[in-house]
Amino acid sequence: MARKQSTRKYSKKAAAKVGRAMKKRKAGTLKSGRSGRKVKSRKQAIAIGLSEARAAGAKVPKKAAKKTAKKRKAKN
């Protein structure tokens, strides 16, 4: 059987940006954008890496819609 060839969700460039952000977090030099505070969270480091990749024009899926908006619609 022939296997269906899947397309990458994230480009190699995006993976490299996330990897760089993770290394900076481990070293303690990754800072958040607006406040300039040190980033401690793994999830936040990944988000920063993906954001930088988007800005650089790498292939990255769109941001997910916030859950609070969905909850409000369900209530109404």
PDB file of N, CA and C in Angstrom:
ATOM      1  N   MET A   1       0.828  -1.189   0.000  1.00  0.00           N
ATOM      2  CA  MET A   1       0.000   0.000   0.000  1.00  0.00           C
ATOM      3  C   MET A   1       0.873   1.253   0.000  1.00  0.00           C
ATOM      4  N   ALA A   2       0.432   2.228  -0.735  1.00  0.00           N
ATOM      5  CA  ALA A   2       1.159   3.491  -0.779  1.00  0.00           C
ATOM      6  C   ALA A   2       0.684   4.379   0.379  1.00  0.00           C
ATOM      7  N   ARG A   3       1.625   4.934   1.084  1.00  0.00           N
ATOM      8  CA  ARG A   3       1.290   5.795   2.214  1.00  0.00           C
ATOM      9  C   ARG A   3       1.074   7.226   1.716  1.00  0.00           C
ATOM     10  N   LYS A   4       0.040   7.872   2.240  1.00  0.00           N
ATOM     11  CA  LYS A   4      -0.237   9.250   1.846  1.00  0.00           C
ATOM     12  C   LYS A   4       0.855  10.154   2.416  1.00  0.00           C
ATOM     13  N   GLN A   5       1.424  10.984   1.558  1.00  0.00           N
ATOM     14  CA  GLN A   5       2.487  11.878   2.006  1.00  0.00           C
ATOM     15  C   GLN A   5       1.852  13.088   2.676  1.00  0.00           C
ATOM     16  N   SER A   6       2.183  13.298   3.941  1.00  0.00           N
ATOM     17  CA  SER A   6       1.581  14.415   4.670  1.00  0.00           C
ATOM     18  C   SER A   6       2.433  15.674   4.508  1.00  0.00           C
ATOM     19  N   THR A   7       1.766  16.802   4.567  1.00  0.00           N
ATOM     20  CA  THR A   7       2.488  18.066   4.499  1.00  0.00           C
ATOM     21  C   THR A   7       2.822  18.503   5.913  1.00  0.00           C
ATOM     22  N   ARG A   8       3.932  19.187   6.040  1.00  0.00           N
ATOM     23  CA  ARG A   8       4.363  19.655   7.358  1.00  0.00           C
ATOM     24  C   ARG A   8       3.460  20.771   7.856  1.00  0.00           C
ATOM     25  N   LYS A   9       3.098  20.709   9.137  1.00  0.00           N
ATOM     26  CA  LYS A   9       2.317  21.793   9.730  1.00  0.00           C
ATOM     27  C   LYS A   9       3.222  22.987  10.004  1.00  0.00           C
ATOM     28  N   TYR A  10       4.417  22.705  10.499  1.00  0.00           N
ATOM     29  CA  TYR A  10       5.382  23.743  10.837  1.00  0.00           C
ATOM     30  C   TYR A  10       6.618  23.559   9.958  1.00  0.00           C
ATOM     31  N   SER A  11       7.163  24.661   9.463  1.00  0.00           N
ATOM     32  CA  SER A  11       8.355  24.576   8.619  1.00  0.00           C
ATOM     33  C   SER A  11       9.601  24.314   9.477  1.00  0.00           C
ATOM     34  N   LYS A  12      10.697  23.980   8.824  1.00  0.00           N
ATOM     35  CA  LYS A  12      11.960  23.749   9.536  1.00  0.00           C
ATOM     36  C   LYS A  12      12.437  25.040  10.183  1.00  0.00           C
ATOM     37  N   LYS A  13      12.180  26.159   9.513  1.00  0.00           N
ATOM     38  CA  LYS A  13      12.563  27.472  10.044  1.00  0.00           C
ATOM     39  C   LYS A  13      11.825  27.752  11.357  1.00  0.00           C
ATOM     40  N   ALA A  14      10.540  27.374  11.404  1.00  0.00           N
ATOM     41  CA  ALA A  14       9.746  27.572  12.617  1.00  0.00           C
ATOM     42  C   ALA A  14      10.295  26.708  13.752  1.00  0.00           C
ATOM     43  N   ALA A  15      10.660  25.471  13.424  1.00  0.00           N
ATOM     44  CA  ALA A  15      11.216  24.568  14.439  1.00  0.00           C
ATOM     45  C   ALA A  15      12.537  25.113  14.979  1.00  0.00           C
ATOM     46  N   ALA A  16      13.331  25.718  14.105  1.00  0.00           N
ATOM     47  CA  ALA A  16      14.615  26.289  14.520  1.00  0.00           C
ATOM     48  C   ALA A  16      14.398  27.482  15.454  1.00  0.00           C
ATOM     49  N   LYS A  17      13.400  28.304  15.153  1.00  0.00           N
ATOM     50  CA  LYS A  17      13.098  29.478  15.993  1.00  0.00           C
ATOM     51  C   LYS A  17      12.643  29.037  17.384  1.00  0.00           C
ATOM     52  N   VAL A  18      11.798  28.002  17.421  1.00  0.00           N
ATOM     53  CA  VAL A  18      11.320  27.490  18.715  1.00  0.00           C
ATOM     54  C   VAL A  18      12.494  26.890  19.490  1.00  0.00           C
ATOM     55  N   GLY A  19      13.350  26.162  18.801  1.00  0.00           N
ATOM     56  CA  GLY A  19      14.535  25.580  19.450  1.00  0.00           C
ATOM     57  C   GLY A  19      15.440  26.640  20.042  1.00  0.00           C
ATOM     58  N   ARG A  20      15.610  27.739  19.315  1.00  0.00           N
ATOM     59  CA  ARG A  20      16.446  28.839  19.800  1.00  0.00           C
ATOM     60  C   ARG A  20      15.824  29.473  21.044  1.00  0.00           C
ATOM     61  N   ALA A  21      14.498  29.658  21.011  1.00  0.00           N
ATOM     62  CA  ALA A  21      13.799  30.247  22.159  1.00  0.00           C
ATOM     63  C   ALA A  21      13.919  29.344  23.384  1.00  0.00           C
ATOM     64  N   MET A  22      13.838  28.028  23.181  1.00  0.00           N
ATOM     65  CA  MET A  22      13.954  27.081  24.298  1.00  0.00           C
ATOM     66  C   MET A  22      15.351  27.127  24.906  1.00  0.00           C
ATOM     67  N   LYS A  23      16.372  27.230  24.053  1.00  0.00           N
ATOM     68  CA  LYS A  23      17.748  27.311  24.565  1.00  0.00           C
ATOM     69  C   LYS A  23      17.958  28.590  25.368  1.00  0.00           C
ATOM     70  N   LYS A  24      17.396  29.692  24.871  1.00  0.00           N
ATOM     71  CA  LYS A  24      17.527  30.964  25.587  1.00  0.00           C
ATOM     72  C   LYS A  24      16.806  30.903  26.931  1.00  0.00           C
ATOM     73  N   ARG A  25      15.652  30.207  26.967  1.00  0.00           N
ATOM     74  CA  ARG A  25      14.910  30.063  28.226  1.00  0.00           C
ATOM     75  C   ARG A  25      15.736  29.282  29.237  1.00  0.00           C
ATOM     76  N   LYS A  26      16.350  28.199  28.763  1.00  0.00           N
ATOM     77  CA  LYS A  26      17.171  27.373  29.657  1.00  0.00           C
ATOM     78  C   LYS A  26      18.353  28.161  30.205  1.00  0.00           C
ATOM     79  N   ALA A  27      18.909  29.034  29.346  1.00  0.00           N
ATOM     80  CA  ALA A  27      20.052  29.847  29.769  1.00  0.00           C
ATOM     81  C   ALA A  27      19.616  31.006  30.657  1.00  0.00           C
ATOM     82  N   GLY A  28      18.301  31.302  30.650  1.00  0.00           N
ATOM     83  CA  GLY A  28      17.773  32.384  31.482  1.00  0.00           C
ATOM     84  C   GLY A  28      17.872  33.745  30.826  1.00  0.00           C
ATOM     85  N   THR A  29      18.007  33.779  29.495  1.00  0.00           N
ATOM     86  CA  THR A  29      18.145  35.064  28.811  1.00  0.00           C
ATOM     87  C   THR A  29      16.937  35.407  27.942  1.00  0.00           C
ATOM     88  N   LEU A  30      15.923  34.542  27.907  1.00  0.00           N
ATOM     89  CA  LEU A  30      14.730  34.821  27.100  1.00  0.00           C
ATOM     90  C   LEU A  30      13.823  35.766  27.868  1.00  0.00           C
ATOM     91  N   LYS A  31      13.445  36.870  27.218  1.00  0.00           N
ATOM     92  CA  LYS A  31      12.603  37.860  27.876  1.00  0.00           C
ATOM     93  C   LYS A  31      11.314  38.050  27.095  1.00  0.00           C
ATOM     94  N   SER A  32      10.242  38.351  27.810  1.00  0.00           N
ATOM     95  CA  SER A  32       8.958  38.570  27.159  1.00  0.00           C
ATOM     96  C   SER A  32       8.958  39.943  26.498  1.00  0.00           C
ATOM     97  N   GLY A  33       8.072  40.117  25.543  1.00  0.00           N
ATOM     98  CA  GLY A  33       8.070  41.318  24.722  1.00  0.00           C
ATOM     99  C   GLY A  33       7.789  42.613  25.448  1.00  0.00           C
ATOM    100  N   ARG A  34       6.605  42.761  25.982  1.00  0.00           N
ATOM    101  CA  ARG A  34       6.191  44.064  26.497  1.00  0.00           C
ATOM    102  C   ARG A  34       6.856  44.427  27.815  1.00  0.00           C
ATOM    103  N   SER A  35       6.831  43.519  28.772  1.00  0.00           N
ATOM    104  CA  SER A  35       7.349  43.841  30.103  1.00  0.00           C
ATOM    105  C   SER A  35       8.854  43.648  30.212  1.00  0.00           C
ATOM    106  N   GLY A  36       9.418  42.781  29.379  1.00  0.00           N
ATOM    107  CA  GLY A  36      10.856  42.530  29.437  1.00  0.00           C
ATOM    108  C   GLY A  36      11.263  41.606  30.572  1.00  0.00           C
ATOM    109  N   ARG A  37      10.270  40.908  31.174  1.00  0.00           N
ATOM    110  CA  ARG A  37      10.572  39.972  32.256  1.00  0.00           C
ATOM    111  C   ARG A  37      11.144  38.680  31.709  1.00  0.00           C
ATOM    112  N   LYS A  38      11.883  37.975  32.560  1.00  0.00           N
ATOM    113  CA  LYS A  38      12.415  36.669  32.164  1.00  0.00           C
ATOM    114  C   LYS A  38      11.280  35.673  31.989  1.00  0.00           C
ATOM    115  N   VAL A  39      11.396  34.846  30.960  1.00  0.00           N
ATOM    116  CA  VAL A  39      10.388  33.820  30.699  1.00  0.00           C
ATOM    117  C   VAL A  39      10.805  32.547  31.419  1.00  0.00           C
ATOM    118  N   LYS A  40       9.892  31.994  32.230  1.00  0.00           N
ATOM    119  CA  LYS A  40      10.183  30.762  32.964  1.00  0.00           C
ATOM    120  C   LYS A  40       9.389  29.584  32.404  1.00  0.00           C
ATOM    121  N   SER A  41       8.246  29.880  31.809  1.00  0.00           N
ATOM    122  CA  SER A  41       7.347  28.845  31.328  1.00  0.00           C
ATOM    123  C   SER A  41       7.797  28.262  29.990  1.00  0.00           C
ATOM    124  N   ARG A  42       7.724  26.941  29.877  1.00  0.00           N
ATOM    125  CA  ARG A  42       8.060  26.243  28.634  1.00  0.00           C
ATOM    126  C   ARG A  42       7.081  26.626  27.528  1.00  0.00           C
ATOM    127  N   LYS A  43       5.798  26.683  27.885  1.00  0.00           N
ATOM    128  CA  LYS A  43       4.759  27.023  26.910  1.00  0.00           C
ATOM    129  C   LYS A  43       4.946  28.438  26.372  1.00  0.00           C
ATOM    130  N   GLN A  44       5.325  29.355  27.238  1.00  0.00           N
ATOM    131  CA  GLN A  44       5.526  30.735  26.822  1.00  0.00           C
ATOM    132  C   GLN A  44       6.730  30.838  25.885  1.00  0.00           C
ATOM    133  N   ALA A  45       7.768  30.054  26.156  1.00  0.00           N
ATOM    134  CA  ALA A  45       8.950  30.048  25.290  1.00  0.00           C
ATOM    135  C   ALA A  45       8.590  29.546  23.898  1.00  0.00           C
ATOM    136  N   ILE A  46       7.765  28.505  23.823  1.00  0.00           N
ATOM    137  CA  ILE A  46       7.310  27.972  22.528  1.00  0.00           C
ATOM    138  C   ILE A  46       6.486  29.024  21.799  1.00  0.00           C
ATOM    139  N   ALA A  47       5.611  29.714  22.513  1.00  0.00           N
ATOM    140  CA  ALA A  47       4.770  30.749  21.908  1.00  0.00           C
ATOM    141  C   ALA A  47       5.623  31.883  21.343  1.00  0.00           C
ATOM    142  N   ILE A  48       6.662  32.261  22.046  1.00  0.00           N
ATOM    143  CA  ILE A  48       7.554  33.322  21.575  1.00  0.00           C
ATOM    144  C   ILE A  48       8.277  32.872  20.319  1.00  0.00           C
ATOM    145  N   GLY A  49       8.765  31.632  20.308  1.00  0.00           N
ATOM    146  CA  GLY A  49       9.447  31.091  19.133  1.00  0.00           C
ATOM    147  C   GLY A  49       8.536  31.055  17.915  1.00  0.00           C
ATOM    148  N   LEU A  50       7.291  30.623  18.096  1.00  0.00           N
ATOM    149  CA  LEU A  50       6.334  30.565  16.986  1.00  0.00           C
ATOM    150  C   LEU A  50       5.971  31.963  16.494  1.00  0.00           C
ATOM    151  N   SER A  51       5.867  32.897  17.422  1.00  0.00           N
ATOM    152  CA  SER A  51       5.554  34.270  17.060  1.00  0.00           C
ATOM    153  C   SER A  51       6.675  34.871  16.209  1.00  0.00           C
ATOM    154  N   GLU A  52       7.921  34.607  16.600  1.00  0.00           N
ATOM    155  CA  GLU A  52       9.069  35.091  15.830  1.00  0.00           C
ATOM    156  C   GLU A  52       9.100  34.440  14.449  1.00  0.00           C
ATOM    157  N   ALA A  53       8.740  33.163  14.389  1.00  0.00           N
ATOM    158  CA  ALA A  53       8.710  32.449  13.109  1.00  0.00           C
ATOM    159  C   ALA A  53       7.649  33.042  12.186  1.00  0.00           C
ATOM    160  N   ARG A  54       6.473  33.373  12.757  1.00  0.00           N
ATOM    161  CA  ARG A  54       5.409  34.004  11.964  1.00  0.00           C
ATOM    162  C   ARG A  54       5.888  35.336  11.395  1.00  0.00           C
ATOM    163  N   ALA A  55       6.562  36.112  12.240  1.00  0.00           N
ATOM    164  CA  ALA A  55       7.053  37.429  11.815  1.00  0.00           C
ATOM    165  C   ALA A  55       8.100  37.298  10.712  1.00  0.00           C
ATOM    166  N   ALA A  56       8.867  36.193  10.747  1.00  0.00           N
ATOM    167  CA  ALA A  56       9.905  35.959   9.741  1.00  0.00           C
ATOM    168  C   ALA A  56       9.330  35.363   8.457  1.00  0.00           C
ATOM    169  N   GLY A  57       8.042  35.016   8.484  1.00  0.00           N
ATOM    170  CA  GLY A  57       7.392  34.487   7.285  1.00  0.00           C
ATOM    171  C   GLY A  57       7.454  32.983   7.145  1.00  0.00           C
ATOM    172  N   ALA A  58       7.745  32.274   8.239  1.00  0.00           N
ATOM    173  CA  ALA A  58       7.816  30.808   8.197  1.00  0.00           C
ATOM    174  C   ALA A  58       6.398  30.227   8.181  1.00  0.00           C
ATOM    175  N   LYS A  59       6.297  28.972   7.765  1.00  0.00           N
ATOM    176  CA  LYS A  59       5.000  28.296   7.710  1.00  0.00           C
ATOM    177  C   LYS A  59       4.608  27.840   9.110  1.00  0.00           C
ATOM    178  N   VAL A  60       3.628  28.528   9.667  1.00  0.00           N
ATOM    179  CA  VAL A  60       3.121  28.231  11.008  1.00  0.00           C
ATOM    180  C   VAL A  60       1.606  28.374  10.953  1.00  0.00           C
ATOM    181  N   PRO A  61       0.840  27.417  11.517  1.00  0.00           N
ATOM    182  CA  PRO A  61      -0.614  27.554  11.518  1.00  0.00           C
ATOM    183  C   PRO A  61      -1.060  28.818  12.255  1.00  0.00           C
ATOM    184  N   LYS A  62      -2.252  29.294  11.938  1.00  0.00           N
ATOM    185  CA  LYS A  62      -2.785  30.492  12.589  1.00  0.00           C
ATOM    186  C   LYS A  62      -3.020  30.220  14.058  1.00  0.00           C
ATOM    187  N   LYS A  63      -3.027  31.303  14.839  1.00  0.00           N
ATOM    188  CA  LYS A  63      -3.296  31.184  16.267  1.00  0.00           C
ATOM    189  C   LYS A  63      -4.712  30.663  16.474  1.00  0.00           C
ATOM    190  N   ALA A  64      -4.904  29.856  17.508  1.00  0.00           N
ATOM    191  CA  ALA A  64      -6.233  29.326  17.839  1.00  0.00           C
ATOM    192  C   ALA A  64      -7.064  30.437  18.465  1.00  0.00           C
ATOM    193  N   ALA A  65      -8.354  30.393  18.240  1.00  0.00           N
ATOM    194  CA  ALA A  65      -9.254  31.383  18.837  1.00  0.00           C
ATOM    195  C   ALA A  65      -9.288  31.173  20.345  1.00  0.00           C
ATOM    196  N   LYS A  66      -9.443  32.243  21.068  1.00  0.00           N
ATOM    197  CA  LYS A  66      -9.490  32.143  22.530  1.00  0.00           C
ATOM    198  C   LYS A  66     -10.751  31.414  22.965  1.00  0.00           C
ATOM    199  N   LYS A  67     -10.651  30.640  24.030  1.00  0.00           N
ATOM    200  CA  LYS A  67     -11.766  29.829  24.512  1.00  0.00           C
ATOM    201  C   LYS A  67     -12.865  30.665  25.141  1.00  0.00           C
ATOM    202  N   THR A  68     -12.526  31.815  25.723  1.00  0.00           N
ATOM    203  CA  THR A  68     -13.529  32.635  26.405  1.00  0.00           C
ATOM    204  C   THR A  68     -14.591  33.126  25.433  1.00  0.00           C
ATOM    205  N   ALA A  69     -14.198  33.443  24.205  1.00  0.00           N
ATOM    206  CA  ALA A  69     -15.159  33.913  23.213  1.00  0.00           C
ATOM    207  C   ALA A  69     -16.154  32.801  22.868  1.00  0.00           C
ATOM    208  N   LYS A  70     -15.666  31.567  22.796  1.00  0.00           N
ATOM    209  CA  LYS A  70     -16.546  30.432  22.505  1.00  0.00           C
ATOM    210  C   LYS A  70     -17.551  30.218  23.634  1.00  0.00           C
ATOM    211  N   LYS A  71     -17.101  30.380  24.868  1.00  0.00           N
ATOM    212  CA  LYS A  71     -17.964  30.188  26.025  1.00  0.00           C
ATOM    213  C   LYS A  71     -19.078  31.235  26.043  1.00  0.00           C
ATOM    214  N   ARG A  72     -18.728  32.464  25.704  1.00  0.00           N
ATOM    215  CA  ARG A  72     -19.727  33.538  25.688  1.00  0.00           C
ATOM    216  C   ARG A  72     -20.803  33.254  24.649  1.00  0.00           C
ATOM    217  N   LYS A  73     -20.398  32.774  23.493  1.00  0.00           N
ATOM    218  CA  LYS A  73     -21.352  32.458  22.431  1.00  0.00           C
ATOM    219  C   LYS A  73     -22.280  31.318  22.860  1.00  0.00           C
ATOM    220  N   ALA A  74     -21.751  30.356  23.582  1.00  0.00           N
ATOM    221  CA  ALA A  74     -22.540  29.213  24.038  1.00  0.00           C
ATOM    222  C   ALA A  74     -23.591  29.649  25.069  1.00  0.00           C
ATOM    223  N   LYS A  75     -23.246  30.614  25.910  1.00  0.00           N
ATOM    224  CA  LYS A  75     -24.176  31.105  26.922  1.00  0.00           C
ATOM    225  C   LYS A  75     -25.350  31.839  26.304  1.00  0.00           C
ATOM    226  N   ASN A  76     -25.089  32.611  25.259  1.00  0.00           N
ATOM    227  CA  ASN A  76     -26.151  33.435  24.626  1.00  0.00           C
ATOM    228  C   ASN A  76     -27.080  32.644  23.807  1.00  0.00           C
TER     229      ASN A  76
END
